[in-house]
């Protein structure tokens, strides 16, 4: 969004800085972007759950 606000067209580049593809049009909203946060949850809530913490098997 920052790139478009500056009047430029976003582009994906490779390690040699050559353009792989450009993004001429605005991306469409994904269905997950429109889900209410209370239903979907958040990353910060998820990382608080001890059940999903990594345990080193050694």
N, C-alpha and C. Protein backbone atom coordinates (compact mmCIF):
# COMPACT_ATOMS: atom_id res chain seq x y z
N UNK A 1 0.83 -1.19 0.00
CA UNK A 1 0.00 0.00 0.00
C UNK A 1 0.87 1.25 0.00
N UNK A 2 1.94 1.22 0.73
CA UNK A 2 2.84 2.36 0.80
C UNK A 2 3.39 2.71 -0.57
N UNK A 3 3.71 1.68 -1.35
CA UNK A 3 4.24 1.88 -2.70
C UNK A 3 3.20 2.55 -3.58
N UNK A 4 1.98 2.07 -3.53
CA UNK A 4 0.90 2.65 -4.36
C UNK A 4 0.60 4.09 -3.93
N UNK A 5 0.63 4.37 -2.64
CA UNK A 5 0.38 5.73 -2.16
C UNK A 5 1.43 6.70 -2.65
N UNK A 6 2.61 6.19 -2.97
CA UNK A 6 3.70 7.02 -3.50
C UNK A 6 3.61 7.17 -5.02
N UNK A 7 2.57 6.55 -5.63
CA UNK A 7 2.38 6.67 -7.07
C UNK A 7 3.17 5.66 -7.88
N UNK A 8 3.65 4.61 -7.24
CA UNK A 8 4.44 3.60 -7.93
C UNK A 8 3.66 2.30 -8.06
N UNK A 9 4.16 1.40 -8.89
CA UNK A 9 3.54 0.09 -9.09
C UNK A 9 4.40 -0.96 -8.38
N UNK A 10 3.82 -1.73 -7.46
CA UNK A 10 4.59 -2.76 -6.77
C UNK A 10 5.08 -3.84 -7.73
N UNK A 11 6.26 -4.38 -7.44
CA UNK A 11 6.83 -5.42 -8.29
C UNK A 11 7.57 -6.44 -7.43
N UNK A 12 7.56 -7.68 -7.90
CA UNK A 12 8.34 -8.75 -7.27
C UNK A 12 9.65 -8.85 -8.03
N UNK A 13 10.76 -8.89 -7.31
CA UNK A 13 12.07 -8.94 -7.95
C UNK A 13 12.84 -10.16 -7.48
N UNK A 14 13.80 -10.59 -8.31
CA UNK A 14 14.64 -11.72 -7.93
C UNK A 14 15.90 -11.21 -7.24
N UNK A 15 16.84 -12.10 -6.94
CA UNK A 15 18.05 -11.70 -6.22
C UNK A 15 18.94 -10.76 -7.02
N UNK A 16 18.79 -10.75 -8.33
CA UNK A 16 19.55 -9.83 -9.18
C UNK A 16 18.80 -8.53 -9.44
N UNK A 17 17.71 -8.35 -8.74
CA UNK A 17 16.86 -7.16 -8.79
C UNK A 17 16.13 -6.99 -10.12
N UNK A 18 16.03 -8.08 -10.87
CA UNK A 18 15.24 -8.04 -12.10
C UNK A 18 13.78 -8.28 -11.75
N UNK A 19 12.89 -7.60 -12.45
CA UNK A 19 11.46 -7.72 -12.17
C UNK A 19 10.95 -9.07 -12.65
N UNK A 20 10.31 -9.80 -11.74
CA UNK A 20 9.68 -11.08 -12.07
C UNK A 20 8.25 -10.83 -12.52
N UNK A 21 7.52 -10.02 -11.75
CA UNK A 21 6.15 -9.66 -12.12
C UNK A 21 5.78 -8.35 -11.45
N UNK A 22 4.82 -7.67 -12.04
CA UNK A 22 4.32 -6.43 -11.45
C UNK A 22 2.87 -6.63 -11.03
N UNK A 23 2.43 -5.78 -10.14
CA UNK A 23 1.07 -5.86 -9.61
C UNK A 23 0.34 -4.57 -9.99
N UNK A 24 -0.13 -4.55 -11.24
CA UNK A 24 -0.78 -3.37 -11.79
C UNK A 24 -2.08 -3.04 -11.06
N UNK A 25 -2.87 -4.04 -10.76
CA UNK A 25 -4.19 -3.83 -10.15
C UNK A 25 -4.12 -4.05 -8.64
N UNK A 26 -5.03 -3.40 -7.94
CA UNK A 26 -5.15 -3.61 -6.50
C UNK A 26 -5.54 -5.05 -6.24
N UNK A 27 -4.96 -5.69 -5.23
CA UNK A 27 -5.37 -7.06 -4.91
C UNK A 27 -6.80 -7.09 -4.36
N UNK A 28 -7.49 -8.17 -4.65
CA UNK A 28 -8.85 -8.35 -4.13
C UNK A 28 -8.77 -8.71 -2.65
N UNK A 29 -9.79 -8.31 -1.90
CA UNK A 29 -9.84 -8.70 -0.49
C UNK A 29 -10.04 -10.20 -0.40
N UNK A 30 -9.29 -10.83 0.46
CA UNK A 30 -9.46 -12.25 0.72
C UNK A 30 -10.61 -12.42 1.72
N UNK A 31 -11.26 -13.56 1.66
CA UNK A 31 -12.36 -13.82 2.59
C UNK A 31 -11.90 -13.76 4.04
N UNK A 32 -10.69 -14.23 4.31
CA UNK A 32 -10.20 -14.22 5.69
C UNK A 32 -9.94 -12.80 6.19
N UNK A 33 -9.71 -11.86 5.29
CA UNK A 33 -9.50 -10.48 5.71
C UNK A 33 -10.77 -9.86 6.26
N UNK A 34 -11.91 -10.42 5.91
CA UNK A 34 -13.19 -9.85 6.33
C UNK A 34 -13.81 -10.55 7.53
N UNK A 35 -13.14 -11.55 8.10
CA UNK A 35 -13.66 -12.27 9.26
C UNK A 35 -13.43 -11.42 10.51
N UNK A 36 -14.44 -11.36 11.35
CA UNK A 36 -14.34 -10.60 12.59
C UNK A 36 -13.24 -11.18 13.48
N UNK A 37 -12.43 -10.33 14.07
CA UNK A 37 -11.30 -10.77 14.88
C UNK A 37 -11.74 -11.61 16.07
N UNK A 38 -12.92 -11.34 16.63
CA UNK A 38 -13.39 -12.12 17.78
C UNK A 38 -13.67 -13.57 17.39
N UNK A 39 -14.05 -13.82 16.15
CA UNK A 39 -14.32 -15.18 15.69
C UNK A 39 -13.04 -15.88 15.26
N UNK A 40 -12.18 -15.16 14.59
CA UNK A 40 -10.97 -15.74 14.02
C UNK A 40 -9.85 -15.85 15.05
N UNK A 41 -9.80 -14.93 15.99
CA UNK A 41 -8.73 -14.90 16.96
C UNK A 41 -7.56 -14.07 16.46
N UNK A 42 -6.48 -14.10 17.20
CA UNK A 42 -5.31 -13.33 16.79
C UNK A 42 -4.05 -14.14 17.05
N UNK A 43 -3.00 -13.75 16.40
CA UNK A 43 -1.71 -14.40 16.59
C UNK A 43 -1.26 -14.26 18.04
N UNK A 44 -1.46 -13.09 18.61
CA UNK A 44 -1.00 -12.85 19.98
C UNK A 44 -1.75 -13.70 20.99
N UNK A 45 -3.03 -13.97 20.73
CA UNK A 45 -3.77 -14.88 21.61
C UNK A 45 -3.27 -16.31 21.44
N UNK A 46 -2.97 -16.69 20.22
CA UNK A 46 -2.51 -18.05 19.94
C UNK A 46 -1.17 -18.35 20.62
N UNK A 47 -0.24 -17.42 20.60
CA UNK A 47 1.08 -17.70 21.17
C UNK A 47 1.06 -17.77 22.70
N UNK A 48 -0.03 -17.34 23.31
CA UNK A 48 -0.16 -17.44 24.76
C UNK A 48 -0.58 -18.84 25.21
N UNK A 49 -1.09 -19.66 24.30
CA UNK A 49 -1.58 -20.99 24.64
C UNK A 49 -0.39 -21.94 24.79
N UNK A 50 -0.21 -22.49 25.98
CA UNK A 50 0.95 -23.35 26.24
C UNK A 50 0.90 -24.67 25.48
N UNK A 51 -0.29 -25.09 25.09
CA UNK A 51 -0.46 -26.35 24.36
C UNK A 51 0.34 -26.35 23.05
N UNK A 52 0.49 -25.20 22.44
CA UNK A 52 1.16 -25.10 21.15
C UNK A 52 2.62 -24.68 21.25
N UNK A 53 3.17 -24.65 22.44
CA UNK A 53 4.57 -24.27 22.60
C UNK A 53 5.48 -25.41 22.16
N UNK A 54 6.59 -25.06 21.56
CA UNK A 54 7.57 -26.06 21.13
C UNK A 54 8.30 -26.60 22.35
N UNK A 55 8.44 -27.92 22.40
CA UNK A 55 9.20 -28.56 23.46
C UNK A 55 10.34 -29.32 22.82
N UNK A 56 11.54 -29.01 23.23
CA UNK A 56 12.72 -29.68 22.69
C UNK A 56 12.72 -31.12 23.18
N UNK A 57 12.73 -32.10 22.27
CA UNK A 57 12.65 -33.50 22.68
C UNK A 57 13.93 -34.04 23.32
N UNK A 58 14.97 -33.28 23.38
CA UNK A 58 16.22 -33.78 23.95
C UNK A 58 16.24 -33.78 25.43
